[in-house]
Amino acid sequence: MAESHECRLGFIIDFLSKATLIGFTAGVAIIVFLQQLIDLLGIIHFTNKMQIVPVLKSVFSHKNEWSWQAIIIGISFLVFMLSARQISLKKPKLFWISAVASLTSVIISMLL
């Protein structure tokens, strides 16, 4: 019989303040957003740093690499997926639309 080694450290989060958790979550969201700019703008040469200032400097210093095709495709799929999410929220019976929209976006973008 295999042993289970669970740490069960989830209780630690109870000791962190709500402001700390919100700040951490917002920081992670900003970092993920900035890293997604690479693909959205079609930038080839990008910094390996994760701080906000170096990433923004890298984005704006490589304007000549921005691809209008990548920007149009990225924004189009973003609008498509947000619209599908709104439909799913307004009509709960159509919950599956947001999942299908994500899968459809991935398949179509790979084909493009």
PDB file of N, CA and C in Angstrom:
ATOM      1  N   MET A   1       0.840  -1.179   0.000  1.00  0.00           N
ATOM      2  CA  MET A   1       0.000   0.000   0.000  1.00  0.00           C
ATOM      3  C   MET A   1       0.885   1.241   0.000  1.00  0.00           C
ATOM      4  N   ALA A   2       0.622   2.143  -0.909  1.00  0.00           N
ATOM      5  CA  ALA A   2       1.436   3.352  -1.043  1.00  0.00           C
ATOM      6  C   ALA A   2       1.080   4.363   0.037  1.00  0.00           C
ATOM      7  N   GLU A   3       2.133   5.036   0.535  1.00  0.00           N
ATOM      8  CA  GLU A   3       1.913   6.077   1.528  1.00  0.00           C
ATOM      9  C   GLU A   3       1.590   7.392   0.858  1.00  0.00           C
ATOM     10  N   SER A   4       0.725   8.149   1.486  1.00  0.00           N
ATOM     11  CA  SER A   4       0.386   9.470   0.983  1.00  0.00           C
ATOM     12  C   SER A   4       1.113  10.506   1.833  1.00  0.00           C
ATOM     13  N   HIS A   5       1.872  11.380   1.155  1.00  0.00           N
ATOM     14  CA  HIS A   5       2.608  12.422   1.871  1.00  0.00           C
ATOM     15  C   HIS A   5       2.007  13.773   1.541  1.00  0.00           C
ATOM     16  N   GLU A   6       1.013  14.158   2.289  1.00  0.00           N
ATOM     17  CA  GLU A   6       0.375  15.443   2.081  1.00  0.00           C
ATOM     18  C   GLU A   6       0.844  16.410   3.157  1.00  0.00           C
ATOM     19  N   CYS A   7       1.133  17.617   2.735  1.00  0.00           N
ATOM     20  CA  CYS A   7       1.602  18.619   3.698  1.00  0.00           C
ATOM     21  C   CYS A   7       0.452  19.317   4.402  1.00  0.00           C
ATOM     22  N   ARG A   8      -0.645  19.496   3.712  1.00  0.00           N
ATOM     23  CA  ARG A   8      -1.818  20.175   4.277  1.00  0.00           C
ATOM     24  C   ARG A   8      -1.446  21.520   4.901  1.00  0.00           C
ATOM     25  N   LEU A   9      -0.811  22.352   4.093  1.00  0.00           N
ATOM     26  CA  LEU A   9      -0.376  23.664   4.579  1.00  0.00           C
ATOM     27  C   LEU A   9      -1.327  24.782   4.175  1.00  0.00           C
ATOM     28  N   GLY A  10      -2.487  24.436   3.692  1.00  0.00           N
ATOM     29  CA  GLY A  10      -3.454  25.436   3.271  1.00  0.00           C
ATOM     30  C   GLY A  10      -3.885  26.367   4.391  1.00  0.00           C
ATOM     31  N   PHE A  11      -3.784  25.907   5.621  1.00  0.00           N
ATOM     32  CA  PHE A  11      -4.196  26.725   6.764  1.00  0.00           C
ATOM     33  C   PHE A  11      -3.333  27.976   6.900  1.00  0.00           C
ATOM     34  N   ILE A  12      -2.133  27.975   6.324  1.00  0.00           N
ATOM     35  CA  ILE A  12      -1.233  29.128   6.431  1.00  0.00           C
ATOM     36  C   ILE A  12      -1.863  30.368   5.808  1.00  0.00           C
ATOM     37  N   ILE A  13      -2.663  30.151   4.783  1.00  0.00           N
ATOM     38  CA  ILE A  13      -3.295  31.277   4.095  1.00  0.00           C
ATOM     39  C   ILE A  13      -4.241  32.039   5.024  1.00  0.00           C
ATOM     40  N   ASP A  14      -4.731  31.367   6.045  1.00  0.00           N
ATOM     41  CA  ASP A  14      -5.618  32.025   7.012  1.00  0.00           C
ATOM     42  C   ASP A  14      -4.880  33.097   7.809  1.00  0.00           C
ATOM     43  N   PHE A  15      -3.553  33.001   7.892  1.00  0.00           N
ATOM     44  CA  PHE A  15      -2.770  33.957   8.657  1.00  0.00           C
ATOM     45  C   PHE A  15      -2.384  35.189   7.846  1.00  0.00           C
ATOM     46  N   LEU A  16      -2.595  35.149   6.545  1.00  0.00           N
ATOM     47  CA  LEU A  16      -2.265  36.288   5.691  1.00  0.00           C
ATOM     48  C   LEU A  16      -3.460  37.230   5.622  1.00  0.00           C
ATOM     49  N   SER A  17      -3.183  38.515   5.597  1.00  0.00           N
ATOM     50  CA  SER A  17      -4.275  39.478   5.534  1.00  0.00           C
ATOM     51  C   SER A  17      -4.887  39.477   4.131  1.00  0.00           C
ATOM     52  N   LYS A  18      -6.111  39.958   4.058  1.00  0.00           N
ATOM     53  CA  LYS A  18      -6.800  40.033   2.774  1.00  0.00           C
ATOM     54  C   LYS A  18      -6.043  40.967   1.817  1.00  0.00           C
ATOM     55  N   ALA A  19      -5.503  42.046   2.345  1.00  0.00           N
ATOM     56  CA  ALA A  19      -4.746  42.992   1.520  1.00  0.00           C
ATOM     57  C   ALA A  19      -3.515  42.319   0.919  1.00  0.00           C
ATOM     58  N   THR A  20      -2.848  41.466   1.692  1.00  0.00           N
ATOM     59  CA  THR A  20      -1.673  40.740   1.189  1.00  0.00           C
ATOM     60  C   THR A  20      -2.069  39.805   0.063  1.00  0.00           C
ATOM     61  N   LEU A  21      -3.159  39.085   0.231  1.00  0.00           N
ATOM     62  CA  LEU A  21      -3.624  38.151  -0.800  1.00  0.00           C
ATOM     63  C   LEU A  21      -4.045  38.884  -2.067  1.00  0.00           C
ATOM     64  N   ILE A  22      -4.742  40.006  -1.904  1.00  0.00           N
ATOM     65  CA  ILE A  22      -5.163  40.790  -3.070  1.00  0.00           C
ATOM     66  C   ILE A  22      -3.948  41.362  -3.794  1.00  0.00           C
ATOM     67  N   GLY A  23      -2.982  41.857  -3.029  1.00  0.00           N
ATOM     68  CA  GLY A  23      -1.760  42.391  -3.630  1.00  0.00           C
ATOM     69  C   GLY A  23      -0.982  41.324  -4.376  1.00  0.00           C
ATOM     70  N   PHE A  24      -0.865  40.152  -3.789  1.00  0.00           N
ATOM     71  CA  PHE A  24      -0.169  39.048  -4.435  1.00  0.00           C
ATOM     72  C   PHE A  24      -0.884  38.650  -5.728  1.00  0.00           C
ATOM     73  N   THR A  25      -2.198  38.507  -5.665  1.00  0.00           N
ATOM     74  CA  THR A  25      -2.976  38.127  -6.842  1.00  0.00           C
ATOM     75  C   THR A  25      -2.874  39.179  -7.937  1.00  0.00           C
ATOM     76  N   ALA A  26      -2.960  40.445  -7.571  1.00  0.00           N
ATOM     77  CA  ALA A  26      -2.851  41.524  -8.558  1.00  0.00           C
ATOM     78  C   ALA A  26      -1.461  41.538  -9.182  1.00  0.00           C
ATOM     79  N   GLY A  27      -0.431  41.315  -8.381  1.00  0.00           N
ATOM     80  CA  GLY A  27       0.933  41.264  -8.903  1.00  0.00           C
ATOM     81  C   GLY A  27       1.122  40.136  -9.898  1.00  0.00           C
ATOM     82  N   VAL A  28       0.589  38.979  -9.570  1.00  0.00           N
ATOM     83  CA  VAL A  28       0.676  37.840 -10.486  1.00  0.00           C
ATOM     84  C   VAL A  28      -0.076  38.137 -11.777  1.00  0.00           C
ATOM     85  N   ALA A  29      -1.252  38.753 -11.663  1.00  0.00           N
ATOM     86  CA  ALA A  29      -2.030  39.089 -12.855  1.00  0.00           C
ATOM     87  C   ALA A  29      -1.276  40.061 -13.759  1.00  0.00           C
ATOM     88  N   ILE A  30      -0.612  41.038 -13.170  1.00  0.00           N
ATOM     89  CA  ILE A  30       0.152  42.013 -13.962  1.00  0.00           C
ATOM     90  C   ILE A  30       1.317  41.330 -14.668  1.00  0.00           C
ATOM     91  N   ILE A  31       2.026  40.454 -13.968  1.00  0.00           N
ATOM     92  CA  ILE A  31       3.154  39.752 -14.575  1.00  0.00           C
ATOM     93  C   ILE A  31       2.685  38.861 -15.720  1.00  0.00           C
ATOM     94  N   VAL A  32       1.598  38.133 -15.523  1.00  0.00           N
ATOM     95  CA  VAL A  32       1.068  37.274 -16.585  1.00  0.00           C
ATOM     96  C   VAL A  32       0.647  38.118 -17.780  1.00  0.00           C
ATOM     97  N   PHE A  33      -0.037  39.237 -17.534  1.00  0.00           N
ATOM     98  CA  PHE A  33      -0.460  40.119 -18.624  1.00  0.00           C
ATOM     99  C   PHE A  33       0.737  40.628 -19.421  1.00  0.00           C
ATOM    100  N   LEU A  34       1.758  41.097 -18.713  1.00  0.00           N
ATOM    101  CA  LEU A  34       2.928  41.632 -19.398  1.00  0.00           C
ATOM    102  C   LEU A  34       3.647  40.557 -20.209  1.00  0.00           C
ATOM    103  N   GLN A  35       3.703  39.341 -19.696  1.00  0.00           N
ATOM    104  CA  GLN A  35       4.341  38.265 -20.439  1.00  0.00           C
ATOM    105  C   GLN A  35       3.517  37.856 -21.663  1.00  0.00           C
ATOM    106  N   GLN A  36       2.207  38.053 -21.607  1.00  0.00           N
ATOM    107  CA  GLN A  36       1.356  37.752 -22.754  1.00  0.00           C
ATOM    108  C   GLN A  36       1.528  38.774 -23.869  1.00  0.00           C
ATOM    109  N   LEU A  37       2.059  39.946 -23.537  1.00  0.00           N
ATOM    110  CA  LEU A  37       2.307  40.963 -24.566  1.00  0.00           C
ATOM    111  C   LEU A  37       3.267  40.460 -25.636  1.00  0.00           C
ATOM    112  N   ILE A  38       4.157  39.554 -25.268  1.00  0.00           N
ATOM    113  CA  ILE A  38       5.103  38.992 -26.232  1.00  0.00           C
ATOM    114  C   ILE A  38       4.344  38.413 -27.416  1.00  0.00           C
ATOM    115  N   ASP A  39       3.377  37.553 -27.109  1.00  0.00           N
ATOM    116  CA  ASP A  39       2.627  36.884 -28.162  1.00  0.00           C
ATOM    117  C   ASP A  39       1.606  37.812 -28.809  1.00  0.00           C
ATOM    118  N   LEU A  40       0.974  38.655 -28.014  1.00  0.00           N
ATOM    119  CA  LEU A  40      -0.043  39.546 -28.564  1.00  0.00           C
ATOM    120  C   LEU A  40       0.554  40.525 -29.566  1.00  0.00           C
ATOM    121  N   LEU A  41       1.735  41.012 -29.286  1.00  0.00           N
ATOM    122  CA  LEU A  41       2.373  41.980 -30.175  1.00  0.00           C
ATOM    123  C   LEU A  41       3.282  41.322 -31.217  1.00  0.00           C
ATOM    124  N   GLY A  42       3.540  40.026 -31.067  1.00  0.00           N
ATOM    125  CA  GLY A  42       4.390  39.321 -32.017  1.00  0.00           C
ATOM    126  C   GLY A  42       5.864  39.653 -31.867  1.00  0.00           C
ATOM    127  N   ILE A  43       6.285  39.997 -30.654  1.00  0.00           N
ATOM    128  CA  ILE A  43       7.678  40.378 -30.417  1.00  0.00           C
ATOM    129  C   ILE A  43       8.552  39.129 -30.362  1.00  0.00           C
ATOM    130  N   ILE A  44       9.694  39.186 -31.061  1.00  0.00           N
ATOM    131  CA  ILE A  44      10.617  38.052 -31.093  1.00  0.00           C
ATOM    132  C   ILE A  44      11.678  38.192 -30.006  1.00  0.00           C
ATOM    133  N   HIS A  45      12.307  39.352 -29.913  1.00  0.00           N
ATOM    134  CA  HIS A  45      13.355  39.597 -28.920  1.00  0.00           C
ATOM    135  C   HIS A  45      12.714  40.260 -27.709  1.00  0.00           C
ATOM    136  N   PHE A  46      12.816  39.611 -26.567  1.00  0.00           N
ATOM    137  CA  PHE A  46      12.151  40.118 -25.373  1.00  0.00           C
ATOM    138  C   PHE A  46      13.049  39.874 -24.173  1.00  0.00           C
ATOM    139  N   THR A  47      12.874  40.663 -23.137  1.00  0.00           N
ATOM    140  CA  THR A  47      13.677  40.528 -21.923  1.00  0.00           C
ATOM    141  C   THR A  47      13.292  39.262 -21.155  1.00  0.00           C
ATOM    142  N   ASN A  48      14.241  38.726 -20.412  1.00  0.00           N
ATOM    143  CA  ASN A  48      13.979  37.558 -19.559  1.00  0.00           C
ATOM    144  C   ASN A  48      13.585  37.979 -18.153  1.00  0.00           C
ATOM    145  N   LYS A  49      13.641  39.277 -17.881  1.00  0.00           N
ATOM    146  CA  LYS A  49      13.312  39.785 -16.543  1.00  0.00           C
ATOM    147  C   LYS A  49      11.804  39.774 -16.338  1.00  0.00           C
ATOM    148  N   MET A  50      11.388  39.731 -15.094  1.00  0.00           N
ATOM    149  CA  MET A  50       9.973  39.667 -14.768  1.00  0.00           C
ATOM    150  C   MET A  50       9.441  40.956 -14.150  1.00  0.00           C
ATOM    151  N   GLN A  51      10.305  41.953 -13.920  1.00  0.00           N
ATOM    152  CA  GLN A  51       9.844  43.192 -13.308  1.00  0.00           C
ATOM    153  C   GLN A  51       9.086  44.034 -14.338  1.00  0.00           C
ATOM    154  N   ILE A  52       8.196  44.879 -13.853  1.00  0.00           N
ATOM    155  CA  ILE A  52       7.327  45.668 -14.716  1.00  0.00           C
ATOM    156  C   ILE A  52       8.121  46.621 -15.601  1.00  0.00           C
ATOM    157  N   VAL A  53       9.052  47.374 -15.033  1.00  0.00           N
ATOM    158  CA  VAL A  53       9.784  48.387 -15.806  1.00  0.00           C
ATOM    159  C   VAL A  53      10.614  47.761 -16.927  1.00  0.00           C
ATOM    160  N   PRO A  54      11.429  46.717 -16.677  1.00  0.00           N
ATOM    161  CA  PRO A  54      12.185  46.122 -17.787  1.00  0.00           C
ATOM    162  C   PRO A  54      11.292  45.529 -18.877  1.00  0.00           C
ATOM    163  N   VAL A  55      10.173  44.950 -18.485  1.00  0.00           N
ATOM    164  CA  VAL A  55       9.266  44.368 -19.478  1.00  0.00           C
ATOM    165  C   VAL A  55       8.665  45.465 -20.342  1.00  0.00           C
ATOM    166  N   LEU A  56       8.194  46.559 -19.730  1.00  0.00           N
ATOM    167  CA  LEU A  56       7.619  47.657 -20.508  1.00  0.00           C
ATOM    168  C   LEU A  56       8.666  48.322 -21.395  1.00  0.00           C
ATOM    169  N   LYS A  57       9.906  48.464 -20.879  1.00  0.00           N
ATOM    170  CA  LYS A  57      10.986  49.019 -21.705  1.00  0.00           C
ATOM    171  C   LYS A  57      11.224  48.128 -22.916  1.00  0.00           C
ATOM    172  N   SER A  58      11.212  46.819 -22.692  1.00  0.00           N
ATOM    173  CA  SER A  58      11.446  45.879 -23.786  1.00  0.00           C
ATOM    174  C   SER A  58      10.319  45.942 -24.814  1.00  0.00           C
ATOM    175  N   VAL A  59       9.080  46.047 -24.341  1.00  0.00           N
ATOM    176  CA  VAL A  59       7.928  46.134 -25.255  1.00  0.00           C
ATOM    177  C   VAL A  59       8.045  47.370 -26.141  1.00  0.00           C
ATOM    178  N   PHE A  60       8.326  48.522 -25.543  1.00  0.00           N
ATOM    179  CA  PHE A  60       8.337  49.762 -26.319  1.00  0.00           C
ATOM    180  C   PHE A  60       9.647  50.001 -27.068  1.00  0.00           C
ATOM    181  N   SER A  61      10.725  49.327 -26.683  1.00  0.00           N
ATOM    182  CA  SER A  61      11.969  49.473 -27.438  1.00  0.00           C
ATOM    183  C   SER A  61      11.996  48.550 -28.658  1.00  0.00           C
ATOM    184  N   HIS A  62      11.068  47.607 -28.716  1.00  0.00           N
ATOM    185  CA  HIS A  62      10.980  46.694 -29.860  1.00  0.00           C
ATOM    186  C   HIS A  62       9.709  46.948 -30.676  1.00  0.00           C
ATOM    187  N   LYS A  63       9.296  48.205 -30.786  1.00  0.00           N
ATOM    188  CA  LYS A  63       8.087  48.543 -31.554  1.00  0.00           C
ATOM    189  C   LYS A  63       8.195  48.084 -33.002  1.00  0.00           C
ATOM    190  N   ASN A  64       9.408  48.086 -33.534  1.00  0.00           N
ATOM    191  CA  ASN A  64       9.592  47.681 -34.927  1.00  0.00           C
ATOM    192  C   ASN A  64       9.279  46.194 -35.145  1.00  0.00           C
ATOM    193  N   GLU A  65       9.218  45.403 -34.066  1.00  0.00           N
ATOM    194  CA  GLU A  65       8.891  43.983 -34.171  1.00  0.00           C
ATOM    195  C   GLU A  65       7.398  43.716 -34.017  1.00  0.00           C
ATOM    196  N   TRP A  66       6.628  44.718 -33.622  1.00  0.00           N
ATOM    197  CA  TRP A  66       5.199  44.498 -33.423  1.00  0.00           C
ATOM    198  C   TRP A  66       4.580  44.031 -34.725  1.00  0.00           C
ATOM    199  N   SER A  67       3.744  43.041 -34.646  1.00  0.00           N
ATOM    200  CA  SER A  67       3.081  42.484 -35.817  1.00  0.00           C
ATOM    201  C   SER A  67       1.601  42.844 -35.769  1.00  0.00           C
ATOM    202  N   TRP A  68       1.141  43.618 -36.742  1.00  0.00           N
ATOM    203  CA  TRP A  68      -0.269  44.022 -36.734  1.00  0.00           C
ATOM    204  C   TRP A  68      -1.170  42.804 -36.913  1.00  0.00           C
ATOM    205  N   GLN A  69      -0.688  41.763 -37.607  1.00  0.00           N
ATOM    206  CA  GLN A  69      -1.492  40.546 -37.781  1.00  0.00           C
ATOM    207  C   GLN A  69      -1.701  39.846 -36.433  1.00  0.00           C
ATOM    208  N   ALA A  70      -0.630  39.742 -35.658  1.00  0.00           N
ATOM    209  CA  ALA A  70      -0.734  39.104 -34.344  1.00  0.00           C
ATOM    210  C   ALA A  70      -1.647  39.910 -33.421  1.00  0.00           C
ATOM    211  N   ILE A  71      -1.556  41.234 -33.504  1.00  0.00           N
ATOM    212  CA  ILE A  71      -2.401  42.093 -32.666  1.00  0.00           C
ATOM    213  C   ILE A  71      -3.876  41.911 -33.025  1.00  0.00           C
ATOM    214  N   ILE A  72      -4.186  41.917 -34.309  1.00  0.00           N
ATOM    215  CA  ILE A  72      -5.580  41.760 -34.748  1.00  0.00           C
ATOM    216  C   ILE A  72      -6.125  40.394 -34.351  1.00  0.00           C
ATOM    217  N   ILE A  73      -5.345  39.347 -34.581  1.00  0.00           N
ATOM    218  CA  ILE A  73      -5.795  37.997 -34.225  1.00  0.00           C
ATOM    219  C   ILE A  73      -5.981  37.882 -32.712  1.00  0.00           C
ATOM    220  N   GLY A  74      -5.014  38.379 -31.946  1.00  0.00           N
ATOM    221  CA  GLY A  74      -5.097  38.295 -30.488  1.00  0.00           C
ATOM    222  C   GLY A  74      -6.297  39.030 -29.920  1.00  0.00           C
ATOM    223  N   ILE A  75      -6.520  40.245 -30.382  1.00  0.00           N
ATOM    224  CA  ILE A  75      -7.660  41.025 -29.895  1.00  0.00           C
ATOM    225  C   ILE A  75      -8.977  40.401 -30.340  1.00  0.00           C
ATOM    226  N   SER A  76      -9.019  39.880 -31.557  1.00  0.00           N
ATOM    227  CA  SER A  76     -10.239  39.234 -32.049  1.00  0.00           C
ATOM    228  C   SER A  76     -10.620  38.037 -31.193  1.00  0.00           C
ATOM    229  N   PHE A  77      -9.633  37.178 -30.886  1.00  0.00           N
ATOM    230  CA  PHE A  77      -9.932  36.010 -30.060  1.00  0.00           C
ATOM    231  C   PHE A  77     -10.268  36.408 -28.632  1.00  0.00           C
ATOM    232  N   LEU A  78      -9.651  37.467 -28.128  1.00  0.00           N
ATOM    233  CA  LEU A  78      -9.981  37.947 -26.792  1.00  0.00           C
ATOM    234  C   LEU A  78     -11.431  38.413 -26.737  1.00  0.00           C
ATOM    235  N   VAL A  79     -11.853  39.183 -27.727  1.00  0.00           N
ATOM    236  CA  VAL A  79     -13.248  39.653 -27.793  1.00  0.00           C
ATOM    237  C   VAL A  79     -14.193  38.460 -27.936  1.00  0.00           C
ATOM    238  N   PHE A  80     -13.819  37.502 -28.774  1.00  0.00           N
ATOM    239  CA  PHE A  80     -14.636  36.299 -28.985  1.00  0.00           C
ATOM    240  C   PHE A  80     -14.830  35.531 -27.670  1.00  0.00           C
ATOM    241  N   MET A  81     -13.732  35.326 -26.931  1.00  0.00           N
ATOM    242  CA  MET A  81     -13.833  34.559 -25.689  1.00  0.00           C
ATOM    243  C   MET A  81     -14.568  35.332 -24.593  1.00  0.00           C
ATOM    244  N   LEU A  82     -14.374  36.654 -24.534  1.00  0.00           N
ATOM    245  CA  LEU A  82     -15.110  37.447 -23.538  1.00  0.00           C
ATOM    246  C   LEU A  82     -16.602  37.492 -23.863  1.00  0.00           C
ATOM    247  N   SER A  83     -16.932  37.549 -25.147  1.00  0.00           N
ATOM    248  CA  SER A  83     -18.343  37.523 -25.554  1.00  0.00           C
ATOM    249  C   SER A  83     -18.976  36.187 -25.189  1.00  0.00           C
ATOM    250  N   ALA A  84     -18.261  35.103 -25.441  1.00  0.00           N
ATOM    251  CA  ALA A  84     -18.773  33.770 -25.092  1.00  0.00           C
ATOM    252  C   ALA A  84     -18.974  33.654 -23.587  1.00  0.00           C
ATOM    253  N   ARG A  85     -18.075  34.238 -22.820  1.00  0.00           N
ATOM    254  CA  ARG A  85     -18.213  34.203 -21.355  1.00  0.00           C
ATOM    255  C   ARG A  85     -19.454  34.978 -20.908  1.00  0.00           C
ATOM    256  N   GLN A  86     -19.685  36.134 -21.526  1.00  0.00           N
ATOM    257  CA  GLN A  86     -20.872  36.923 -21.182  1.00  0.00           C
ATOM    258  C   GLN A  86     -22.153  36.165 -21.498  1.00  0.00           C
ATOM    259  N   ILE A  87     -22.178  35.470 -22.621  1.00  0.00           N
ATOM    260  CA  ILE A  87     -23.343  34.662 -22.985  1.00  0.00           C
ATOM    261  C   ILE A  87     -23.559  33.574 -21.941  1.00  0.00           C
ATOM    262  N   SER A  88     -22.468  32.919 -21.534  1.00  0.00           N
ATOM    263  CA  SER A  88     -22.573  31.858 -20.530  1.00  0.00           C
ATOM    264  C   SER A  88     -23.052  32.389 -19.179  1.00  0.00           C
ATOM    265  N   LEU A  89     -22.639  33.604 -18.831  1.00  0.00           N
ATOM    266  CA  LEU A  89     -23.075  34.182 -17.558  1.00  0.00           C
ATOM    267  C   LEU A  89     -24.536  34.606 -17.589  1.00  0.00           C
ATOM    268  N   LYS A  90     -24.977  35.135 -18.731  1.00  0.00           N
ATOM    269  CA  LYS A  90     -26.360  35.600 -18.842  1.00  0.00           C
ATOM    270  C   LYS A  90     -27.348  34.445 -18.964  1.00  0.00           C
ATOM    271  N   LYS A  91     -26.927  33.374 -19.617  1.00  0.00           N
ATOM    272  CA  LYS A  91     -27.792  32.207 -19.802  1.00  0.00           C
ATOM    273  C   LYS A  91     -27.055  30.977 -19.292  1.00  0.00           C
ATOM    274  N   PRO A  92     -27.259  30.630 -18.013  1.00  0.00           N
ATOM    275  CA  PRO A  92     -26.521  29.515 -17.405  1.00  0.00           C
ATOM    276  C   PRO A  92     -26.667  28.179 -18.142  1.00  0.00           C
ATOM    277  N   LYS A  93     -27.762  27.993 -18.859  1.00  0.00           N
ATOM    278  CA  LYS A  93     -27.926  26.740 -19.604  1.00  0.00           C
ATOM    279  C   LYS A  93     -26.911  26.630 -20.740  1.00  0.00           C
ATOM    280  N   LEU A  94     -26.344  27.763 -21.130  1.00  0.00           N
ATOM    281  CA  LEU A  94     -25.344  27.776 -22.197  1.00  0.00           C
ATOM    282  C   LEU A  94     -23.926  27.865 -21.624  1.00  0.00           C
ATOM    283  N   PHE A  95     -23.722  27.249 -20.456  1.00  0.00           N
ATOM    284  CA  PHE A  95     -22.422  27.292 -19.782  1.00  0.00           C
ATOM    285  C   PHE A  95     -21.286  26.741 -20.645  1.00  0.00           C
ATOM    286  N   TRP A  96     -21.605  25.827 -21.505  1.00  0.00           N
ATOM    287  CA  TRP A  96     -20.613  25.146 -22.330  1.00  0.00           C
ATOM    288  C   TRP A  96     -20.011  26.045 -23.412  1.00  0.00           C
ATOM    289  N   ILE A  97     -20.664  27.154 -23.715  1.00  0.00           N
ATOM    290  CA  ILE A  97     -20.189  28.023 -24.801  1.00  0.00           C
ATOM    291  C   ILE A  97     -18.801  28.597 -24.503  1.00  0.00           C
ATOM    292  N   SER A  98     -18.547  28.981 -23.247  1.00  0.00           N
ATOM    293  CA  SER A  98     -17.235  29.555 -22.946  1.00  0.00           C
ATOM    294  C   SER A  98     -16.125  28.515 -23.081  1.00  0.00           C
ATOM    295  N   ALA A  99     -16.410  27.265 -22.712  1.00  0.00           N
ATOM    296  CA  ALA A  99     -15.401  26.211 -22.871  1.00  0.00           C
ATOM    297  C   ALA A  99     -15.149  25.920 -24.345  1.00  0.00           C
ATOM    298  N   VAL A 100     -16.201  25.880 -25.128  1.00  0.00           N
ATOM    299  CA  VAL A 100     -16.059  25.621 -26.560  1.00  0.00           C
ATOM    300  C   VAL A 100     -15.348  26.800 -27.236  1.00  0.00           C
ATOM    301  N   ALA A 101     -15.605  27.994 -26.781  1.00  0.00           N
ATOM    302  CA  ALA A 101     -14.952  29.174 -27.361  1.00  0.00           C
ATOM    303  C   ALA A 101     -13.446  29.114 -27.148  1.00  0.00           C
ATOM    304  N   SER A 102     -13.016  28.699 -25.973  1.00  0.00           N
ATOM    305  CA  SER A 102     -11.581  28.585 -25.707  1.00  0.00           C
ATOM    306  C   SER A 102     -10.943  27.536 -26.613  1.00  0.00           C
ATOM    307  N   LEU A 103     -11.578  26.385 -26.701  1.00  0.00           N
ATOM    308  CA  LEU A 103     -11.056  25.314 -27.553  1.00  0.00           C
ATOM    309  C   LEU A 103     -11.048  25.735 -29.019  1.00  0.00           C
ATOM    310  N   THR A 104     -12.121  26.374 -29.450  1.00  0.00           N
ATOM    311  CA  THR A 104     -12.211  26.856 -30.825  1.00  0.00           C
ATOM    312  C   THR A 104     -11.126  27.892 -31.113  1.00  0.00           C
ATOM    313  N   SER A 105     -10.886  28.776 -30.170  1.00  0.00           N
ATOM    314  CA  SER A 105      -9.846  29.799 -30.344  1.00  0.00           C
ATOM    315  C   SER A 105      -8.470  29.169 -30.521  1.00  0.00           C
ATOM    316  N   VAL A 106      -8.181  28.164 -29.724  1.00  0.00           N
ATOM    317  CA  VAL A 106      -6.882  27.500 -29.815  1.00  0.00           C
ATOM    318  C   VAL A 106      -6.731  26.806 -31.173  1.00  0.00           C
ATOM    319  N   ILE A 107      -7.759  26.089 -31.589  1.00  0.00           N
ATOM    320  CA  ILE A 107      -7.685  25.350 -32.851  1.00  0.00           C
ATOM    321  C   ILE A 107      -7.561  26.309 -34.044  1.00  0.00           C
ATOM    322  N   ILE A 108      -8.396  27.338 -34.076  1.00  0.00           N
ATOM    323  CA  ILE A 108      -8.355  28.273 -35.210  1.00  0.00           C
ATOM    324  C   ILE A 108      -7.036  29.044 -35.232  1.00  0.00           C
ATOM    325  N   SER A 109      -6.561  29.467 -34.066  1.00  0.00           N
ATOM    326  CA  SER A 109      -5.297  30.219 -34.033  1.00  0.00           C
ATOM    327  C   SER A 109      -4.127  29.353 -34.476  1.00  0.00           C
ATOM    328  N   MET A 110      -4.143  28.061 -34.142  1.00  0.00           N
ATOM    329  CA  MET A 110      -3.078  27.166 -34.604  1.00  0.00           C
ATOM    330  C   MET A 110      -3.137  27.010 -36.124  1.00  0.00           C
ATOM    331  N   LEU A 111      -4.352  26.932 -36.664  1.00  0.00           N
ATOM    332  CA  LEU A 111      -4.489  26.818 -38.118  1.00  0.00           C
ATOM    333  C   LEU A 111      -4.036  28.084 -38.832  1.00  0.00           C
ATOM    334  N   LEU A 112      -4.318  29.237 -38.220  1.00  0.00           N
ATOM    335  CA  LEU A 112      -3.895  30.506 -38.824  1.00  0.00           C
ATOM    336  C   LEU A 112      -2.392  30.671 -38.731  1.00  0.00           C
TER     337      LEU A 112
END
